[in-house]
Amino acid sequence: MAEATTLPTLPLADIHLPDAPGVWPLAWGWWVAILLTCIAIAFLVMAFKKQRRYNLARREALQHLATLKSPEHFNQVNLLLRQVAMSYHSREYVAGLTGQSWLSFLDLHLEQKDQGFTRLKDTWQQGLFSPTPLEKEQFAMCYQQAKKWIRKAKFDVLPEVSKESGNV
């Protein structure tokens, strides 16, 4: 029999698998997602700052109101309400409101239309124009109503004003 021929071994290299796909460079879809996320974060930061600046008058008014806890300070409480209102509306509009129109303006800006200021109009009138201070219970009701108004008043819409009478 013939001798078995042996094949010579060839110098072949082992099979190498390609590297796994890398994260970098990012596909264009990821760049769009990153850009949209950055825009959303910038928008939220600006909205937060704007809201903080918008509520600055409220925060300062609540701090000042905390120091006005006696019936002798009734006029200062009313003045504080007027200053807060002028922070959000024009001075020409708010400064001309007096009496019933002022109390209606305050009630109009509360979300719950409970007519708290109008309901207490006799007490407010007495506190503003009487030489004697209000009783503690009367002052406490007006104080709580003022505190509620400073916290919860909505200033997004300015009501119509009658040019002749200046009433709301």
C-alpha atoms as a PDB file:
ATOM      1  CA  MET A   1       0.000   0.000   0.000  1.00  0.00           C
ATOM      2  CA  ALA A   2       0.952   3.423  -0.590  1.00  0.00           C
ATOM      3  CA  GLU A   3       2.228   5.480   2.138  1.00  0.00           C
ATOM      4  CA  ALA A   4      -0.249   8.010   3.481  1.00  0.00           C
ATOM      5  CA  THR A   5       0.654  11.457   2.535  1.00  0.00           C
ATOM      6  CA  THR A   6       0.695  14.000   5.237  1.00  0.00           C
ATOM      7  CA  LEU A   7      -0.329  17.449   4.425  1.00  0.00           C
ATOM      8  CA  PRO A   8       1.973  20.146   5.506  1.00  0.00           C
ATOM      9  CA  THR A   9       0.519  22.518   8.170  1.00  0.00           C
ATOM     10  CA  LEU A  10      -0.183  25.954   6.877  1.00  0.00           C
ATOM     11  CA  PRO A  11       0.713  29.019   8.913  1.00  0.00           C
ATOM     12  CA  LEU A  12      -2.911  30.303   9.419  1.00  0.00           C
ATOM     13  CA  ALA A  13      -3.898  32.766  12.088  1.00  0.00           C
ATOM     14  CA  ASP A  14      -6.726  32.070  14.535  1.00  0.00           C
ATOM     15  CA  ILE A  15     -10.163  33.583  13.837  1.00  0.00           C
ATOM     16  CA  HIS A  16     -10.574  36.920  15.611  1.00  0.00           C
ATOM     17  CA  LEU A  17     -14.030  38.276  16.324  1.00  0.00           C
ATOM     18  CA  PRO A  18     -14.541  42.014  15.786  1.00  0.00           C
ATOM     19  CA  ASP A  19     -14.724  44.299  18.835  1.00  0.00           C
ATOM     20  CA  ALA A  20     -18.143  44.971  20.294  1.00  0.00           C
ATOM     21  CA  PRO A  21     -19.650  48.206  19.002  1.00  0.00           C
ATOM     22  CA  GLY A  22     -18.649  51.151  21.198  1.00  0.00           C
ATOM     23  CA  VAL A  23     -20.807  53.811  22.758  1.00  0.00           C
ATOM     24  CA  TRP A  24     -18.843  56.611  21.188  1.00  0.00           C
ATOM     25  CA  PRO A  25     -19.502  58.303  18.800  1.00  0.00           C
ATOM     26  CA  LEU A  26     -23.168  58.638  19.621  1.00  0.00           C
ATOM     27  CA  ALA A  27     -25.818  58.206  17.003  1.00  0.00           C
ATOM     28  CA  TRP A  28     -27.721  61.334  15.966  1.00  0.00           C
ATOM     29  CA  GLY A  29     -30.836  60.205  17.878  1.00  0.00           C
ATOM     30  CA  TRP A  30     -28.933  60.372  21.149  1.00  0.00           C
ATOM     31  CA  TRP A  31     -27.719  63.883  20.346  1.00  0.00           C
ATOM     32  CA  VAL A  32     -31.340  64.962  19.767  1.00  0.00           C
ATOM     33  CA  ALA A  33     -32.392  63.379  23.067  1.00  0.00           C
ATOM     34  CA  ILE A  34     -29.560  65.154  24.929  1.00  0.00           C
ATOM     35  CA  LEU A  35     -30.442  68.478  23.317  1.00  0.00           C
ATOM     36  CA  LEU A  36     -34.145  68.143  24.197  1.00  0.00           C
ATOM     37  CA  THR A  37     -33.262  67.213  27.779  1.00  0.00           C
ATOM     38  CA  CYS A  38     -31.002  70.272  28.117  1.00  0.00           C
ATOM     39  CA  ILE A  39     -33.731  72.530  26.719  1.00  0.00           C
ATOM     40  CA  ALA A  40     -36.302  71.051  29.127  1.00  0.00           C
ATOM     41  CA  ILE A  41     -33.990  71.516  32.122  1.00  0.00           C
ATOM     42  CA  ALA A  42     -33.235  75.124  31.124  1.00  0.00           C
ATOM     43  CA  PHE A  43     -36.958  75.832  30.715  1.00  0.00           C
ATOM     44  CA  LEU A  44     -37.776  74.345  34.139  1.00  0.00           C
ATOM     45  CA  VAL A  45     -35.011  76.347  35.843  1.00  0.00           C
ATOM     46  CA  MET A  46     -36.220  79.591  34.223  1.00  0.00           C
ATOM     47  CA  ALA A  47     -39.849  78.829  35.171  1.00  0.00           C
ATOM     48  CA  PHE A  48     -38.809  78.104  38.760  1.00  0.00           C
ATOM     49  CA  LYS A  49     -36.873  81.375  39.010  1.00  0.00           C
ATOM     50  CA  LYS A  50     -39.738  83.327  37.470  1.00  0.00           C
ATOM     51  CA  GLN A  51     -42.237  81.815  39.929  1.00  0.00           C
ATOM     52  CA  ARG A  52     -39.941  82.592  42.857  1.00  0.00           C
ATOM     53  CA  ARG A  53     -39.550  86.182  41.715  1.00  0.00           C
ATOM     54  CA  TYR A  54     -43.332  86.421  41.176  1.00  0.00           C
ATOM     55  CA  ASN A  55     -44.031  85.277  44.745  1.00  0.00           C
ATOM     56  CA  LEU A  56     -41.375  87.480  46.358  1.00  0.00           C
ATOM     57  CA  ALA A  57     -43.910  90.160  47.351  1.00  0.00           C
ATOM     58  CA  ARG A  58     -46.111  87.504  48.959  1.00  0.00           C
ATOM     59  CA  ARG A  59     -43.262  86.028  50.991  1.00  0.00           C
ATOM     60  CA  GLU A  60     -42.122  89.418  52.235  1.00  0.00           C
ATOM     61  CA  ALA A  61     -45.702  90.467  53.007  1.00  0.00           C
ATOM     62  CA  LEU A  62     -46.333  87.327  55.054  1.00  0.00           C
ATOM     63  CA  GLN A  63     -43.151  87.968  57.045  1.00  0.00           C
ATOM     64  CA  HIS A  64     -44.219  91.556  57.696  1.00  0.00           C
ATOM     65  CA  LEU A  65     -47.793  90.522  58.517  1.00  0.00           C
ATOM     66  CA  ALA A  66     -46.474  88.235  61.250  1.00  0.00           C
ATOM     67  CA  THR A  67     -45.257  91.335  63.103  1.00  0.00           C
ATOM     68  CA  LEU A  68     -48.678  93.048  62.956  1.00  0.00           C
ATOM     69  CA  LYS A  69     -50.694  91.023  65.450  1.00  0.00           C
ATOM     70  CA  SER A  70     -52.461  93.638  67.549  1.00  0.00           C
ATOM     71  CA  PRO A  71     -55.611  95.663  66.765  1.00  0.00           C
ATOM     72  CA  GLU A  72     -53.551  98.880  66.779  1.00  0.00           C
ATOM     73  CA  HIS A  73     -51.902  97.675  63.562  1.00  0.00           C
ATOM     74  CA  PHE A  74     -55.148  97.387  61.583  1.00  0.00           C
ATOM     75  CA  ASN A  75     -54.331 100.262  59.202  1.00  0.00           C
ATOM     76  CA  GLN A  76     -50.902  98.754  58.563  1.00  0.00           C
ATOM     77  CA  VAL A  77     -52.538  95.416  57.657  1.00  0.00           C
ATOM     78  CA  ASN A  78     -54.755  97.207  55.137  1.00  0.00           C
ATOM     79  CA  LEU A  79     -51.754  99.120  53.790  1.00  0.00           C
ATOM     80  CA  LEU A  80     -49.856  95.843  53.425  1.00  0.00           C
ATOM     81  CA  LEU A  81     -52.736  94.364  51.400  1.00  0.00           C
ATOM     82  CA  ARG A  82     -52.650  97.412  49.152  1.00  0.00           C
ATOM     83  CA  GLN A  83     -48.869  97.129  48.676  1.00  0.00           C
ATOM     84  CA  VAL A  84     -49.157  93.467  47.695  1.00  0.00           C
ATOM     85  CA  ALA A  85     -51.939  94.303  45.243  1.00  0.00           C
ATOM     86  CA  MET A  86     -49.788  97.069  43.722  1.00  0.00           C
ATOM     87  CA  SER A  87     -46.963  94.562  43.284  1.00  0.00           C
ATOM     88  CA  TYR A  88     -49.144  92.616  40.861  1.00  0.00           C
ATOM     89  CA  HIS A  89     -51.392  95.319  39.351  1.00  0.00           C
ATOM     90  CA  SER A  90     -50.730  98.853  38.252  1.00  0.00           C
ATOM     91  CA  ARG A  91     -50.576 101.552  40.878  1.00  0.00           C
ATOM     92  CA  GLU A  92     -53.140 103.654  39.007  1.00  0.00           C
ATOM     93  CA  TYR A  93     -55.664 100.836  39.206  1.00  0.00           C
ATOM     94  CA  VAL A  94     -55.207  99.748  42.827  1.00  0.00           C
ATOM     95  CA  ALA A  95     -54.637 103.177  44.409  1.00  0.00           C
ATOM     96  CA  GLY A  96     -58.054 104.405  43.273  1.00  0.00           C
ATOM     97  CA  LEU A  97     -59.964 101.592  44.963  1.00  0.00           C
ATOM     98  CA  THR A  98     -61.631 102.486  48.251  1.00  0.00           C
ATOM     99  CA  GLY A  99     -64.463 101.247  50.413  1.00  0.00           C
ATOM    100  CA  GLN A 100     -66.703  98.616  48.869  1.00  0.00           C
ATOM    101  CA  SER A 101     -64.765  98.546  45.576  1.00  0.00           C
ATOM    102  CA  TRP A 102     -61.512  97.790  47.458  1.00  0.00           C
ATOM    103  CA  LEU A 103     -63.121  94.955  49.410  1.00  0.00           C
ATOM    104  CA  SER A 104     -64.725  93.575  46.229  1.00  0.00           C
ATOM    105  CA  PHE A 105     -61.318  93.704  44.521  1.00  0.00           C
ATOM    106  CA  LEU A 106     -59.819  91.664  47.356  1.00  0.00           C
ATOM    107  CA  ASP A 107     -62.639  89.097  47.176  1.00  0.00           C
ATOM    108  CA  LEU A 108     -62.409  88.906  43.399  1.00  0.00           C
ATOM    109  CA  HIS A 109     -58.832  87.634  43.530  1.00  0.00           C
ATOM    110  CA  LEU A 110     -59.574  84.728  45.842  1.00  0.00           C
ATOM    111  CA  GLU A 111     -60.103  81.412  44.108  1.00  0.00           C
ATOM    112  CA  GLN A 112     -62.881  80.455  46.496  1.00  0.00           C
ATOM    113  CA  LYS A 113     -65.431  83.213  46.117  1.00  0.00           C
ATOM    114  CA  ASP A 114     -66.388  83.245  49.796  1.00  0.00           C
ATOM    115  CA  GLN A 115     -66.821  87.030  49.863  1.00  0.00           C
ATOM    116  CA  GLY A 116     -64.834  87.172  53.104  1.00  0.00           C
ATOM    117  CA  PHE A 117     -63.870  90.838  52.814  1.00  0.00           C
ATOM    118  CA  THR A 118     -67.302  91.956  51.675  1.00  0.00           C
ATOM    119  CA  ARG A 119     -68.915  89.868  54.419  1.00  0.00           C
ATOM    120  CA  LEU A 120     -66.709  91.672  56.978  1.00  0.00           C
ATOM    121  CA  LYS A 121     -67.129  95.110  55.379  1.00  0.00           C
ATOM    122  CA  ASP A 122     -68.576  96.716  58.524  1.00  0.00           C
ATOM    123  CA  THR A 123     -65.616  95.483  60.559  1.00  0.00           C
ATOM    124  CA  TRP A 124     -63.141  96.698  57.924  1.00  0.00           C
ATOM    125  CA  GLN A 125     -64.835 100.100  57.749  1.00  0.00           C
ATOM    126  CA  GLN A 126     -64.854 100.393  61.534  1.00  0.00           C
ATOM    127  CA  GLY A 127     -61.196  99.392  61.751  1.00  0.00           C
ATOM    128  CA  LEU A 128     -60.148 101.876  59.088  1.00  0.00           C
ATOM    129  CA  PHE A 129     -62.175 104.902  60.117  1.00  0.00           C
ATOM    130  CA  SER A 130     -62.996 104.574  63.810  1.00  0.00           C
ATOM    131  CA  PRO A 131     -60.667 106.290  66.304  1.00  0.00           C
ATOM    132  CA  THR A 132     -60.969 103.317  68.673  1.00  0.00           C
ATOM    133  CA  PRO A 133     -59.204 100.087  67.757  1.00  0.00           C
ATOM    134  CA  LEU A 134     -61.156  96.943  66.952  1.00  0.00           C
ATOM    135  CA  GLU A 135     -61.804  94.263  69.521  1.00  0.00           C
ATOM    136  CA  LYS A 136     -59.366  91.342  69.469  1.00  0.00           C
ATOM    137  CA  GLU A 137     -61.900  88.916  67.943  1.00  0.00           C
ATOM    138  CA  GLN A 138     -62.805  91.351  65.159  1.00  0.00           C
ATOM    139  CA  PHE A 139     -59.158  92.052  64.428  1.00  0.00           C
ATOM    140  CA  ALA A 140     -58.373  88.317  64.442  1.00  0.00           C
ATOM    141  CA  MET A 141     -61.051  87.681  61.773  1.00  0.00           C
ATOM    142  CA  CYS A 142     -59.723  90.491  59.570  1.00  0.00           C
ATOM    143  CA  TYR A 143     -56.125  89.403  60.175  1.00  0.00           C
ATOM    144  CA  GLN A 144     -56.871  85.813  59.151  1.00  0.00           C
ATOM    145  CA  GLN A 145     -58.731  87.022  56.052  1.00  0.00           C
ATOM    146  CA  ALA A 146     -55.763  89.239  55.095  1.00  0.00           C
ATOM    147  CA  LYS A 147     -53.322  86.365  55.651  1.00  0.00           C
ATOM    148  CA  LYS A 148     -55.460  84.071  53.505  1.00  0.00           C
ATOM    149  CA  TRP A 149     -55.621  86.704  50.768  1.00  0.00           C
ATOM    150  CA  ILE A 150     -51.864  87.267  50.701  1.00  0.00           C
ATOM    151  CA  ARG A 151     -51.262  83.510  50.464  1.00  0.00           C
ATOM    152  CA  LYS A 152     -53.924  82.534  47.943  1.00  0.00           C
ATOM    153  CA  ALA A 153     -54.835  85.531  45.795  1.00  0.00           C
ATOM    154  CA  LYS A 154     -54.727  84.950  42.034  1.00  0.00           C
ATOM    155  CA  PHE A 155     -53.566  87.876  39.929  1.00  0.00           C
ATOM    156  CA  ASP A 156     -53.852  86.519  36.410  1.00  0.00           C
ATOM    157  CA  VAL A 157     -56.871  88.559  35.258  1.00  0.00           C
ATOM    158  CA  LEU A 158     -57.594  92.206  35.885  1.00  0.00           C
ATOM    159  CA  PRO A 159     -61.329  92.862  36.236  1.00  0.00           C
ATOM    160  CA  GLU A 160     -63.167  95.472  34.210  1.00  0.00           C
ATOM    161  CA  VAL A 161     -63.368  98.895  35.849  1.00  0.00           C
ATOM    162  CA  SER A 162     -66.147 101.377  35.368  1.00  0.00           C
ATOM    163  CA  LYS A 163     -64.520 104.655  34.296  1.00  0.00           C
ATOM    164  CA  GLU A 164     -67.152 106.861  35.952  1.00  0.00           C
ATOM    165  CA  SER A 165     -67.280 105.348  39.415  1.00  0.00           C
ATOM    166  CA  GLY A 166     -63.971 103.499  39.722  1.00  0.00           C
ATOM    167  CA  ASN A 167     -65.880 100.457  40.981  1.00  0.00           C
ATOM    168  CA  VAL A 168     -65.078  96.876  40.168  1.00  0.00           C
END
